[in-house]
Amino acid sequence: MPVGKVRWYDASKGYGFVSNPGGEDVFVGKNVLPDGVEELVAGQRLEFDFAAGRRGPQALRVKVLDAPRRRTVNRRKPEELGSLLSDVMTVIETQIQPALSAGRYPDRKEGRQVAEILRAVAKELDS
């Protein structure tokens, strides 16, 4: 049985497509999903059997190999994130940028704190 990754799956429509290492993408309908599986998530690995259908290859049996990754929910409201970002820019402009303009890096503690804040902001924006 080939192993592929879910390209996309729309639970409201009840179908999606899985990559097939040996050929074109395979159609996956909700009727071939294992018991207890209501939807698939992009990037999730599946093992499947397939056969040629009228419109291309279709999955016959599906075995889910990876648990679906849960999406992280934004924890902050946009206004809070905007305020936080404004504060970060102020810290960068008043503490980090002058040191860099003078030809030196900020001290290690200060650099780590700013980097940690930037990572947290990036994580919020990415979720």
C-alpha atoms as a PDB file:
ATOM      1  CA  MET A   1       0.000   0.000   0.000  1.00  0.00           C
ATOM      2  CA  PRO A   2       1.416   3.427  -0.921  1.00  0.00           C
ATOM      3  CA  VAL A   3       1.940   6.132   1.668  1.00  0.00           C
ATOM      4  CA  GLY A   4       1.013   9.697   0.754  1.00  0.00           C
ATOM      5  CA  LYS A   5       0.243  13.040   2.338  1.00  0.00           C
ATOM      6  CA  VAL A   6      -3.077  14.823   2.334  1.00  0.00           C
ATOM      7  CA  ARG A   7      -2.927  17.686  -0.165  1.00  0.00           C
ATOM      8  CA  TRP A   8      -6.232  19.117   0.962  1.00  0.00           C
ATOM      9  CA  TYR A   9      -9.501  17.907   2.419  1.00  0.00           C
ATOM     10  CA  ASP A  10     -12.772  19.794   2.775  1.00  0.00           C
ATOM     11  CA  ALA A  11     -14.927  18.237   5.499  1.00  0.00           C
ATOM     12  CA  SER A  12     -18.020  20.189   4.433  1.00  0.00           C
ATOM     13  CA  LYS A  13     -17.780  18.774   0.901  1.00  0.00           C
ATOM     14  CA  GLY A  14     -16.672  15.363   2.142  1.00  0.00           C
ATOM     15  CA  TYR A  15     -13.674  14.826  -0.082  1.00  0.00           C
ATOM     16  CA  GLY A  16     -10.089  15.789  -0.816  1.00  0.00           C
ATOM     17  CA  PHE A  17      -6.894  14.577  -2.442  1.00  0.00           C
ATOM     18  CA  VAL A  18      -3.831  12.673  -1.264  1.00  0.00           C
ATOM     19  CA  SER A  19      -0.425  12.693  -2.956  1.00  0.00           C
ATOM     20  CA  ASN A  20       0.554   9.431  -4.594  1.00  0.00           C
ATOM     21  CA  PRO A  21       4.304   8.789  -4.755  1.00  0.00           C
ATOM     22  CA  GLY A  22       3.919   6.724  -7.921  1.00  0.00           C
ATOM     23  CA  GLY A  23       1.592   8.935  -9.928  1.00  0.00           C
ATOM     24  CA  GLU A  24      -1.161  11.502  -9.878  1.00  0.00           C
ATOM     25  CA  ASP A  25      -3.039  12.578  -6.751  1.00  0.00           C
ATOM     26  CA  VAL A  26      -5.706  10.212  -5.421  1.00  0.00           C
ATOM     27  CA  PHE A  27      -9.293  11.240  -4.674  1.00  0.00           C
ATOM     28  CA  VAL A  28     -10.403  10.497  -1.089  1.00  0.00           C
ATOM     29  CA  GLY A  29     -14.086  10.583  -0.190  1.00  0.00           C
ATOM     30  CA  LYS A  30     -15.449  10.587   3.333  1.00  0.00           C
ATOM     31  CA  ASN A  31     -16.950   7.126   2.765  1.00  0.00           C
ATOM     32  CA  VAL A  32     -13.484   5.483   2.773  1.00  0.00           C
ATOM     33  CA  LEU A  33     -12.230   7.118   5.969  1.00  0.00           C
ATOM     34  CA  PRO A  34     -11.743   4.797   8.961  1.00  0.00           C
ATOM     35  CA  ASP A  35     -14.376   4.755  11.696  1.00  0.00           C
ATOM     36  CA  GLY A  36     -14.065   7.749  14.002  1.00  0.00           C
ATOM     37  CA  VAL A  37     -12.204   9.889  11.452  1.00  0.00           C
ATOM     38  CA  GLU A  38     -14.369  12.799  10.331  1.00  0.00           C
ATOM     39  CA  GLU A  39     -11.793  14.848   8.441  1.00  0.00           C
ATOM     40  CA  LEU A  40      -8.209  14.918   7.257  1.00  0.00           C
ATOM     41  CA  VAL A  41      -5.660  17.686   7.697  1.00  0.00           C
ATOM     42  CA  ALA A  42      -3.218  18.874   5.022  1.00  0.00           C
ATOM     43  CA  GLY A  43       0.161  17.216   5.511  1.00  0.00           C
ATOM     44  CA  GLN A  44      -1.253  14.233   7.403  1.00  0.00           C
ATOM     45  CA  ARG A  45       0.275  10.912   6.247  1.00  0.00           C
ATOM     46  CA  LEU A  46      -2.013   8.150   5.010  1.00  0.00           C
ATOM     47  CA  GLU A  47      -1.577   4.613   3.794  1.00  0.00           C
ATOM     48  CA  PHE A  48      -4.135   3.690   1.131  1.00  0.00           C
ATOM     49  CA  ASP A  49      -5.221   1.325  -1.627  1.00  0.00           C
ATOM     50  CA  PHE A  50      -6.602   2.842  -4.779  1.00  0.00           C
ATOM     51  CA  ALA A  51      -8.158   1.931  -8.093  1.00  0.00           C
ATOM     52  CA  ALA A  52      -8.751   3.743 -11.363  1.00  0.00           C
ATOM     53  CA  GLY A  53     -12.063   5.569 -11.390  1.00  0.00           C
ATOM     54  CA  ARG A  54     -13.895   7.493 -14.094  1.00  0.00           C
ATOM     55  CA  ARG A  55     -12.161  10.746 -13.154  1.00  0.00           C
ATOM     56  CA  GLY A  56      -8.822   9.331 -12.005  1.00  0.00           C
ATOM     57  CA  PRO A  57      -7.471   7.255  -9.141  1.00  0.00           C
ATOM     58  CA  GLN A  58      -9.734   6.872  -6.113  1.00  0.00           C
ATOM     59  CA  ALA A  59      -8.856   5.603  -2.657  1.00  0.00           C
ATOM     60  CA  LEU A  60     -10.544   2.364  -1.615  1.00  0.00           C
ATOM     61  CA  ARG A  61      -9.175   1.878   1.900  1.00  0.00           C
ATOM     62  CA  VAL A  62      -7.403   4.456   4.020  1.00  0.00           C
ATOM     63  CA  LYS A  63      -5.285   4.014   7.126  1.00  0.00           C
ATOM     64  CA  VAL A  64      -4.309   7.191   8.995  1.00  0.00           C
ATOM     65  CA  LEU A  65      -0.638   7.130  10.043  1.00  0.00           C
ATOM     66  CA  ASP A  66      -0.340  10.554  11.702  1.00  0.00           C
ATOM     67  CA  ALA A  67      -2.604  12.209  14.216  1.00  0.00           C
ATOM     68  CA  PRO A  68      -3.928  15.520  12.890  1.00  0.00           C
ATOM     69  CA  ARG A  69      -2.033  18.582  14.016  1.00  0.00           C
ATOM     70  CA  ARG A  70      -4.252  20.974  15.867  1.00  0.00           C
ATOM     71  CA  ARG A  71      -4.228  24.557  14.755  1.00  0.00           C
ATOM     72  CA  THR A  72      -3.113  26.987  17.395  1.00  0.00           C
ATOM     73  CA  VAL A  73      -5.668  29.605  18.242  1.00  0.00           C
ATOM     74  CA  ASN A  74      -4.630  33.225  18.399  1.00  0.00           C
ATOM     75  CA  ARG A  75      -4.381  34.069  22.057  1.00  0.00           C
ATOM     76  CA  ARG A  76      -4.289  37.826  21.733  1.00  0.00           C
ATOM     77  CA  LYS A  77      -6.758  40.232  20.205  1.00  0.00           C
ATOM     78  CA  PRO A  78      -5.468  42.228  17.225  1.00  0.00           C
ATOM     79  CA  GLU A  79      -5.461  45.443  19.298  1.00  0.00           C
ATOM     80  CA  GLU A  80      -3.289  43.798  21.980  1.00  0.00           C
ATOM     81  CA  LEU A  81      -0.901  42.438  19.378  1.00  0.00           C
ATOM     82  CA  GLY A  82      -0.690  45.868  17.742  1.00  0.00           C
ATOM     83  CA  SER A  83       0.157  47.461  21.081  1.00  0.00           C
ATOM     84  CA  LEU A  84       2.752  44.777  21.813  1.00  0.00           C
ATOM     85  CA  LEU A  85       4.307  45.269  18.400  1.00  0.00           C
ATOM     86  CA  SER A  86       4.466  49.025  18.979  1.00  0.00           C
ATOM     87  CA  ASP A  87       6.299  48.456  22.276  1.00  0.00           C
ATOM     88  CA  VAL A  88       8.743  46.053  20.609  1.00  0.00           C
ATOM     89  CA  MET A  89       9.530  48.613  17.912  1.00  0.00           C
ATOM     90  CA  THR A  90      10.149  51.256  20.581  1.00  0.00           C
ATOM     91  CA  VAL A  91      12.591  48.939  22.400  1.00  0.00           C
ATOM     92  CA  ILE A  92      14.380  48.160  19.141  1.00  0.00           C
ATOM     93  CA  GLU A  93      14.634  51.829  18.174  1.00  0.00           C
ATOM     94  CA  THR A  94      15.823  53.049  21.589  1.00  0.00           C
ATOM     95  CA  GLN A  95      18.049  50.173  22.769  1.00  0.00           C
ATOM     96  CA  ILE A  96      19.071  47.887  19.910  1.00  0.00           C
ATOM     97  CA  GLN A  97      19.434  50.195  16.926  1.00  0.00           C
ATOM     98  CA  PRO A  98      21.775  52.749  18.631  1.00  0.00           C
ATOM     99  CA  ALA A  99      24.185  49.967  19.623  1.00  0.00           C
ATOM    100  CA  LEU A 100      24.175  48.528  16.113  1.00  0.00           C
ATOM    101  CA  SER A 101      24.705  52.010  14.622  1.00  0.00           C
ATOM    102  CA  ALA A 102      27.700  52.444  16.942  1.00  0.00           C
ATOM    103  CA  GLY A 103      29.239  49.268  15.486  1.00  0.00           C
ATOM    104  CA  ARG A 104      28.545  46.847  18.310  1.00  0.00           C
ATOM    105  CA  TYR A 105      25.939  44.246  19.169  1.00  0.00           C
ATOM    106  CA  PRO A 106      23.645  44.716  22.161  1.00  0.00           C
ATOM    107  CA  ASP A 107      24.614  42.810  25.292  1.00  0.00           C
ATOM    108  CA  ARG A 108      23.635  39.145  25.386  1.00  0.00           C
ATOM    109  CA  LYS A 109      20.799  39.482  27.941  1.00  0.00           C
ATOM    110  CA  GLU A 110      19.121  42.340  26.089  1.00  0.00           C
ATOM    111  CA  GLY A 111      19.496  40.609  22.735  1.00  0.00           C
ATOM    112  CA  ARG A 112      17.939  37.389  24.025  1.00  0.00           C
ATOM    113  CA  GLN A 113      14.991  39.236  25.566  1.00  0.00           C
ATOM    114  CA  VAL A 114      14.204  41.075  22.341  1.00  0.00           C
ATOM    115  CA  ALA A 115      14.654  37.891  20.286  1.00  0.00           C
ATOM    116  CA  GLU A 116      12.246  36.026  22.580  1.00  0.00           C
ATOM    117  CA  ILE A 117       9.640  38.774  22.233  1.00  0.00           C
ATOM    118  CA  LEU A 118      10.047  38.781  18.441  1.00  0.00           C
ATOM    119  CA  ARG A 119       9.561  35.002  18.339  1.00  0.00           C
ATOM    120  CA  ALA A 120       6.368  35.305  20.408  1.00  0.00           C
ATOM    121  CA  VAL A 121       5.010  38.014  18.108  1.00  0.00           C
ATOM    122  CA  ALA A 122       5.933  35.946  15.028  1.00  0.00           C
ATOM    123  CA  LYS A 123       4.169  32.907  16.492  1.00  0.00           C
ATOM    124  CA  GLU A 124       1.012  34.936  17.090  1.00  0.00           C
ATOM    125  CA  LEU A 125       1.096  36.324  13.544  1.00  0.00           C
ATOM    126  CA  ASP A 126       1.729  32.874  12.059  1.00  0.00           C
ATOM    127  CA  SER A 127      -1.132  31.119  13.850  1.00  0.00           C
END
